[in-house]
Amino acid sequence: MNRTSEVDSTPPSNQGLSATTSDHPAFGWSGYAERINGRFAMIGFSAVLITEVFSHDTFLHWAGLIP
């Protein structure tokens, strides 16, 4: 086998890259931060809906915010 045709087997350095996008995690107003914030908001909203379904009561009443 010719040495010039061998492929370098060392993995590329992905340190600091996101697993799902090519964005670099950054502090402040960045596309990456907004995407993560949106994902956590969707998880929270889903948790509220699931709480309402299983408790058969509104979230505000369940949390004690309204009598």
Foldseek 3Di string as FASTA:
>chain_A
DDPVPDDDPDDDDCPQADPPDRDGDDPDDDPVVVVVVVVVVVVVVVVQVVVCVVVVDHSCVVVVVDD
